[in-house]
PDB file of N, CA and C in Angstrom:
ATOM      1  N   MET A   1      83.631 137.246 110.567  1.00  0.00           N
ATOM      2  CA  MET A   1      84.366 136.054 110.893  1.00  0.00           C
ATOM      3  C   MET A   1      84.640 135.262 109.607  1.00  0.00           C
ATOM      4  N   ILE A   2      85.849 134.738 109.488  1.00  0.00           N
ATOM      5  CA  ILE A   2      86.241 133.955 108.327  1.00  0.00           C
ATOM      6  C   ILE A   2      86.034 132.477 108.637  1.00  0.00           C
ATOM      7  N   GLU A   3      85.460 131.770 107.674  1.00  0.00           N
ATOM      8  CA  GLU A   3      85.154 130.359 107.868  1.00  0.00           C
ATOM      9  C   GLU A   3      85.735 129.546 106.706  1.00  0.00           C
ATOM     10  N   LYS A   4      86.274 128.375 107.033  1.00  0.00           N
ATOM     11  CA  LYS A   4      86.789 127.468 106.000  1.00  0.00           C
ATOM     12  C   LYS A   4      85.844 126.288 105.878  1.00  0.00           C
ATOM     13  N   ILE A   5      85.388 126.039 104.655  1.00  0.00           N
ATOM     14  CA  ILE A   5      84.519 124.906 104.365  1.00  0.00           C
ATOM     15  C   ILE A   5      85.369 123.873 103.635  1.00  0.00           C
ATOM     16  N   SER A   6      85.528 122.684 104.235  1.00  0.00           N
ATOM     17  CA  SER A   6      86.343 121.636 103.637  1.00  0.00           C
ATOM     18  C   SER A   6      85.720 121.125 102.352  1.00  0.00           C
ATOM     19  N   MET A   7      86.572 120.883 101.379  1.00  0.00           N
ATOM     20  CA  MET A   7      86.172 120.348 100.084  1.00  0.00           C
ATOM     21  C   MET A   7      86.801 118.961  99.944  1.00  0.00           C
ATOM     22  N   PRO A   8      86.325 118.144  99.018  1.00  0.00           N
ATOM     23  CA  PRO A   8      86.948 116.824  98.814  1.00  0.00           C
ATOM     24  C   PRO A   8      88.434 116.962  98.476  1.00  0.00           C
ATOM     25  N   SER A   9      89.207 115.978  98.902  1.00  0.00           N
ATOM     26  CA  SER A   9      90.647 115.958  98.638  1.00  0.00           C
ATOM     27  C   SER A   9      90.929 115.361  97.269  1.00  0.00           C
ATOM     28  N   SER A  10      92.187 115.475  96.865  1.00  0.00           N
ATOM     29  CA  SER A  10      92.691 114.832  95.652  1.00  0.00           C
ATOM     30  C   SER A  10      93.992 114.128  96.003  1.00  0.00           C
ATOM     31  N   ILE A  11      94.365 113.184  95.170  1.00  0.00           N
ATOM     32  CA  ILE A  11      95.654 112.520  95.299  1.00  0.00           C
ATOM     33  C   ILE A  11      96.388 112.734  93.980  1.00  0.00           C
ATOM     34  N   ARG A  12      97.635 113.196  94.073  1.00  0.00           N
ATOM     35  CA  ARG A  12      98.457 113.373  92.875  1.00  0.00           C
ATOM     36  C   ARG A  12      99.542 112.301  92.886  1.00  0.00           C
ATOM     37  N   LEU A  13      99.617 111.555  91.807  1.00  0.00           N
ATOM     38  CA  LEU A  13     100.583 110.467  91.667  1.00  0.00           C
ATOM     39  C   LEU A  13     101.571 110.823  90.571  1.00  0.00           C
ATOM     40  N   LYS A  14     102.844 110.594  90.824  1.00  0.00           N
ATOM     41  CA  LYS A  14     103.860 110.728  89.784  1.00  0.00           C
ATOM     42  C   LYS A  14     104.467 109.348  89.593  1.00  0.00           C
ATOM     43  N   TYR A  15     104.242 108.788  88.399  1.00  0.00           N
ATOM     44  CA  TYR A  15     104.726 107.460  88.049  1.00  0.00           C
ATOM     45  C   TYR A  15     106.062 107.551  87.316  1.00  0.00           C
ATOM     46  N   LEU A  16     106.960 106.657  87.634  1.00  0.00           N
ATOM     47  CA  LEU A  16     108.211 106.542  86.911  1.00  0.00           C
ATOM     48  C   LEU A  16     107.950 105.697  85.667  1.00  0.00           C
ATOM     49  N   LYS A  17     108.092 106.306  84.487  1.00  0.00           N
ATOM     50  CA  LYS A  17     107.785 105.617  83.229  1.00  0.00           C
ATOM     51  C   LYS A  17     109.032 105.201  82.458  1.00  0.00           C
ATOM     52  N   GLY A  18     110.200 105.641  82.905  1.00  0.00           N
ATOM     53  CA  GLY A  18     111.426 105.268  82.213  1.00  0.00           C
ATOM     54  C   GLY A  18     112.488 106.330  82.400  1.00  0.00           C
ATOM     55  N   VAL A  19     113.511 106.242  81.560  1.00  0.00           N
ATOM     56  CA  VAL A  19     114.631 107.178  81.610  1.00  0.00           C
ATOM     57  C   VAL A  19     114.882 107.682  80.192  1.00  0.00           C
ATOM     58  N   ASP A  20     115.080 109.006  80.062  1.00  0.00           N
ATOM     59  CA  ASP A  20     115.342 109.567  78.733  1.00  0.00           C
ATOM     60  C   ASP A  20     116.808 109.337  78.347  1.00  0.00           C
ATOM     61  N   PRO A  21     117.197 109.673  77.105  1.00  0.00           N
ATOM     62  CA  PRO A  21     118.576 109.439  76.647  1.00  0.00           C
ATOM     63  C   PRO A  21     119.638 110.165  77.485  1.00  0.00           C
ATOM     64  N   ASN A  22     119.235 111.218  78.201  1.00  0.00           N
ATOM     65  CA  ASN A  22     120.172 111.966  79.039  1.00  0.00           C
ATOM     66  C   ASN A  22     120.241 111.427  80.463  1.00  0.00           C
ATOM     67  N   GLY A  23     119.516 110.350  80.739  1.00  0.00           N
ATOM     68  CA  GLY A  23     119.549 109.748  82.070  1.00  0.00           C
ATOM     69  C   GLY A  23     118.563 110.333  83.067  1.00  0.00           C
ATOM     70  N   LYS A  24     117.695 111.233  82.614  1.00  0.00           N
ATOM     71  CA  LYS A  24     116.693 111.819  83.508  1.00  0.00           C
ATOM     72  C   LYS A  24     115.448 110.934  83.554  1.00  0.00           C
ATOM     73  N   ASP A  25     114.835 110.868  84.740  1.00  0.00           N
ATOM     74  CA  ASP A  25     113.603 110.097  84.893  1.00  0.00           C
ATOM     75  C   ASP A  25     112.477 110.705  84.057  1.00  0.00           C
ATOM     76  N   ILE A  26     111.674 109.856  83.446  1.00  0.00           N
ATOM     77  CA  ILE A  26     110.463 110.282  82.751  1.00  0.00           C
ATOM     78  C   ILE A  26     109.308 109.984  83.696  1.00  0.00           C
ATOM     79  N   LEU A  27     108.590 111.034  84.096  1.00  0.00           N
ATOM     80  CA  LEU A  27     107.484 110.902  85.042  1.00  0.00           C
ATOM     81  C   LEU A  27     106.165 111.235  84.370  1.00  0.00           C
ATOM     82  N   LYS A  28     105.133 110.515  84.746  1.00  0.00           N
ATOM     83  CA  LYS A  28     103.766 110.793  84.287  1.00  0.00           C
ATOM     84  C   LYS A  28     102.956 111.137  85.524  1.00  0.00           C
ATOM     85  N   THR A  29     102.175 112.202  85.455  1.00  0.00           N
ATOM     86  CA  THR A  29     101.366 112.641  86.588  1.00  0.00           C
ATOM     87  C   THR A  29      99.905 112.298  86.356  1.00  0.00           C
ATOM     88  N   ARG A  30      99.265 111.785  87.395  1.00  0.00           N
ATOM     89  CA  ARG A  30      97.839 111.467  87.353  1.00  0.00           C
ATOM     90  C   ARG A  30      97.223 111.999  88.647  1.00  0.00           C
ATOM     91  N   THR A  31      96.031 112.561  88.554  1.00  0.00           N
ATOM     92  CA  THR A  31      95.321 113.065  89.723  1.00  0.00           C
ATOM     93  C   THR A  31      94.014 112.306  89.884  1.00  0.00           C
ATOM     94  N   ILE A  32      93.751 111.871  91.102  1.00  0.00           N
ATOM     95  CA  ILE A  32      92.481 111.221  91.446  1.00  0.00           C
ATOM     96  C   ILE A  32      91.730 112.205  92.341  1.00  0.00           C
ATOM     97  N   ASN A  33      90.541 112.593  91.916  1.00  0.00           N
ATOM     98  CA  ASN A  33      89.753 113.605  92.630  1.00  0.00           C
ATOM     99  C   ASN A  33      88.661 112.974  93.490  1.00  0.00           C
ATOM    100  N   ASN A  34      88.034 113.813  94.283  1.00  0.00           N
ATOM    101  CA  ASN A  34      86.867 113.470  95.107  1.00  0.00           C
ATOM    102  C   ASN A  34      87.157 112.411  96.168  1.00  0.00           C
ATOM    103  N   ILE A  35      88.309 112.536  96.819  1.00  0.00           N
ATOM    104  CA  ILE A  35      88.631 111.687  97.963  1.00  0.00           C
ATOM    105  C   ILE A  35      87.951 112.298  99.184  1.00  0.00           C
ATOM    106  N   ALA A  36      87.206 111.509  99.912  1.00  0.00           N
ATOM    107  CA  ALA A  36      86.448 112.008 101.065  1.00  0.00           C
ATOM    108  C   ALA A  36      87.390 112.608 102.113  1.00  0.00           C
ATOM    109  N   GLN A  37      86.997 113.742 102.675  1.00  0.00           N
ATOM    110  CA  GLN A  37      87.781 114.375 103.738  1.00  0.00           C
ATOM    111  C   GLN A  37      87.910 113.449 104.940  1.00  0.00           C
ATOM    112  N   SER A  38      86.938 112.585 105.136  1.00  0.00           N
ATOM    113  CA  SER A  38      86.955 111.681 106.290  1.00  0.00           C
ATOM    114  C   SER A  38      87.954 110.531 106.126  1.00  0.00           C
ATOM    115  N   ALA A  39      88.491 110.340 104.927  1.00  0.00           N
ATOM    116  CA  ALA A  39      89.468 109.265 104.697  1.00  0.00           C
ATOM    117  C   ALA A  39      90.765 109.606 105.420  1.00  0.00           C
ATOM    118  N   THR A  40      91.243 108.684 106.234  1.00  0.00           N
ATOM    119  CA  THR A  40      92.478 108.926 106.984  1.00  0.00           C
ATOM    120  C   THR A  40      93.682 108.867 106.047  1.00  0.00           C
ATOM    121  N   ASP A  41      94.787 109.479 106.488  1.00  0.00           N
ATOM    122  CA  ASP A  41      96.009 109.433 105.694  1.00  0.00           C
ATOM    123  C   ASP A  41      96.486 107.998 105.513  1.00  0.00           C
ATOM    124  N   GLU A  42      96.328 107.183 106.528  1.00  0.00           N
ATOM    125  CA  GLU A  42      96.736 105.781 106.449  1.00  0.00           C
ATOM    126  C   GLU A  42      95.935 105.042 105.379  1.00  0.00           C
ATOM    127  N   LEU A  43      94.637 105.285 105.338  1.00  0.00           N
ATOM    128  CA  LEU A  43      93.780 104.648 104.340  1.00  0.00           C
ATOM    129  C   LEU A  43      94.156 105.104 102.931  1.00  0.00           C
ATOM    130  N   VAL A  44      94.349 106.394 102.777  1.00  0.00           N
ATOM    131  CA  VAL A  44      94.712 106.948 101.464  1.00  0.00           C
ATOM    132  C   VAL A  44      96.070 106.397 101.026  1.00  0.00           C
ATOM    133  N   TYR A  45      97.032 106.336 101.945  1.00  0.00           N
ATOM    134  CA  TYR A  45      98.356 105.827 101.594  1.00  0.00           C
ATOM    135  C   TYR A  45      98.304 104.345 101.231  1.00  0.00           C
ATOM    136  N   GLY A  46      97.356 103.625 101.812  1.00  0.00           N
ATOM    137  CA  GLY A  46      97.175 102.223 101.476  1.00  0.00           C
ATOM    138  C   GLY A  46      96.835 102.007 100.008  1.00  0.00           C
ATOM    139  N   LEU A  47      96.296 103.025  99.375  1.00  0.00           N
ATOM    140  CA  LEU A  47      95.999 102.947  97.937  1.00  0.00           C
ATOM    141  C   LEU A  47      97.262 102.856  97.087  1.00  0.00           C
ATOM    142  N   LYS A  48      98.365 103.389  97.618  1.00  0.00           N
ATOM    143  CA  LYS A  48      99.609 103.438  96.837  1.00  0.00           C
ATOM    144  C   LYS A  48     100.034 102.054  96.348  1.00  0.00           C
ATOM    145  N   ALA A  49     100.115 101.083  97.256  1.00  0.00           N
ATOM    146  CA  ALA A  49     100.540  99.731  96.873  1.00  0.00           C
ATOM    147  C   ALA A  49      99.563  99.109  95.878  1.00  0.00           C
ATOM    148  N   LEU A  50      98.273  99.333  96.098  1.00  0.00           N
ATOM    149  CA  LEU A  50      97.273  98.782  95.178  1.00  0.00           C
ATOM    150  C   LEU A  50      97.405  99.390  93.780  1.00  0.00           C
ATOM    151  N   LEU A  51      97.610 100.692  93.734  1.00  0.00           N
ATOM    152  CA  LEU A  51      97.739 101.363  92.439  1.00  0.00           C
ATOM    153  C   LEU A  51      99.015 100.945  91.716  1.00  0.00           C
ATOM    154  N   GLU A  52     100.109 100.771  92.454  1.00  0.00           N
ATOM    155  CA  GLU A  52     101.347 100.314  91.818  1.00  0.00           C
ATOM    156  C   GLU A  52     101.164  98.932  91.202  1.00  0.00           C
ATOM    157  N   GLU A  53     100.445  98.075  91.913  1.00  0.00           N
ATOM    158  CA  GLU A  53     100.212  96.718  91.418  1.00  0.00           C
ATOM    159  C   GLU A  53      99.356  96.731  90.151  1.00  0.00           C
ATOM    160  N   VAL A  54      98.309  97.522  90.153  1.00  0.00           N
ATOM    161  CA  VAL A  54      97.396  97.583  89.005  1.00  0.00           C
ATOM    162  C   VAL A  54      98.063  98.256  87.805  1.00  0.00           C
ATOM    163  N   GLN A  55      98.835  99.310  88.063  1.00  0.00           N
ATOM    164  CA  GLN A  55      99.452 100.079  86.981  1.00  0.00           C
ATOM    165  C   GLN A  55     100.757  99.464  86.478  1.00  0.00           C
ATOM    166  N   ASN A  56     101.338  98.537  87.230  1.00  0.00           N
ATOM    167  CA  ASN A  56     102.647  97.975  86.888  1.00  0.00           C
ATOM    168  C   ASN A  56     103.701  99.065  86.717  1.00  0.00           C
ATOM    169  N   SER A  57     103.608 100.104  87.535  1.00  0.00           N
ATOM    170  CA  SER A  57     104.553 101.223  87.505  1.00  0.00           C
ATOM    171  C   SER A  57     104.902 101.605  88.931  1.00  0.00           C
ATOM    172  N   THR A  58     106.127 102.087  89.118  1.00  0.00           N
ATOM    173  CA  THR A  58     106.553 102.577  90.426  1.00  0.00           C
ATOM    174  C   THR A  58     106.044 103.991  90.618  1.00  0.00           C
ATOM    175  N   ILE A  59     105.443 104.255  91.779  1.00  0.00           N
ATOM    176  CA  ILE A  59     104.996 105.612  92.099  1.00  0.00           C
ATOM    177  C   ILE A  59     106.164 106.324  92.770  1.00  0.00           C
ATOM    178  N   ALA A  60     106.681 107.366  92.100  1.00  0.00           N
ATOM    179  CA  ALA A  60     107.823 108.114  92.605  1.00  0.00           C
ATOM    180  C   ALA A  60     107.394 109.155  93.645  1.00  0.00           C
ATOM    181  N   GLU A  61     106.172 109.649  93.523  1.00  0.00           N
ATOM    182  CA  GLU A  61     105.659 110.658  94.464  1.00  0.00           C
ATOM    183  C   GLU A  61     104.166 110.448  94.646  1.00  0.00           C
ATOM    184  N   PHE A  62     103.717 110.496  95.898  1.00  0.00           N
ATOM    185  CA  PHE A  62     102.311 110.267  96.250  1.00  0.00           C
ATOM    186  C   PHE A  62     101.902 111.408  97.171  1.00  0.00           C
ATOM    187  N   THR A  63     101.038 112.298  96.713  1.00  0.00           N
ATOM    188  CA  THR A  63     100.698 113.515  97.450  1.00  0.00           C
ATOM    189  C   THR A  63      99.190 113.626  97.655  1.00  0.00           C
ATOM    190  N   ARG A  64      98.782 113.913  98.895  1.00  0.00           N
ATOM    191  CA  ARG A  64      97.374 114.196  99.178  1.00  0.00           C
ATOM    192  C   ARG A  64      97.211 115.703  99.175  1.00  0.00           C
ATOM    193  N   LEU A  65      96.217 116.182  98.431  1.00  0.00           N
ATOM    194  CA  LEU A  65      95.940 117.610  98.318  1.00  0.00           C
ATOM    195  C   LEU A  65      94.590 117.905  98.956  1.00  0.00           C
ATOM    196  N   ASP A  66      94.613 118.549 100.113  1.00  0.00           N
ATOM    197  CA  ASP A  66      93.378 118.950 100.781  1.00  0.00           C
ATOM    198  C   ASP A  66      93.062 120.382 100.384  1.00  0.00           C
ATOM    199  N   SER A  67      91.785 120.661 100.181  1.00  0.00           N
ATOM    200  CA  SER A  67      91.410 122.028  99.800  1.00  0.00           C
ATOM    201  C   SER A  67      90.165 122.445 100.582  1.00  0.00           C
ATOM    202  N   GLY A  68      89.939 123.734 100.574  1.00  0.00           N
ATOM    203  CA  GLY A  68      88.775 124.278 101.254  1.00  0.00           C
ATOM    204  C   GLY A  68      88.398 125.621 100.687  1.00  0.00           C
ATOM    205  N   LYS A  69      87.150 125.974 100.864  1.00  0.00           N
ATOM    206  CA  LYS A  69      86.644 127.269 100.424  1.00  0.00           C
ATOM    207  C   LYS A  69      86.640 128.195 101.630  1.00  0.00           C
ATOM    208  N   ILE A  70      87.211 129.370 101.487  1.00  0.00           N
ATOM    209  CA  ILE A  70      87.256 130.343 102.580  1.00  0.00           C
ATOM    210  C   ILE A  70      86.215 131.404 102.297  1.00  0.00           C
ATOM    211  N   THR A  71      85.314 131.615 103.269  1.00  0.00           N
ATOM    212  CA  THR A  71      84.252 132.594 103.114  1.00  0.00           C
ATOM    213  C   THR A  71      84.162 133.468 104.355  1.00  0.00           C
ATOM    214  N   GLU A  72      83.495 134.576 104.187  1.00  0.00           N
ATOM    215  CA  GLU A  72      83.221 135.462 105.317  1.00  0.00           C
ATOM    216  C   GLU A  72      81.771 135.227 105.743  1.00  0.00           C
ATOM    217  N   SER A  73      81.579 134.944 107.024  1.00  0.00           N
ATOM    218  CA  SER A  73      80.211 134.696 107.481  1.00  0.00           C
ATOM    219  C   SER A  73      79.680 135.851 108.293  1.00  0.00           C
TER     220      SER A  73
END
């Protein structure tokens, strides 16, 4: 039997840092690790506004990454 063991989640943020001379967006990526699996999507998304305020940057993309270890039992 195959079993999945949930691991802590991560959040990947892509910040808009400006525009290059060709008019393309300049994005910076940051990952926050060890988000509890029990944290709801609503709670995690609530971090977005707080992080934008603290960073003084617009978050262009906000992604929750759930992972798990797959084993044979």
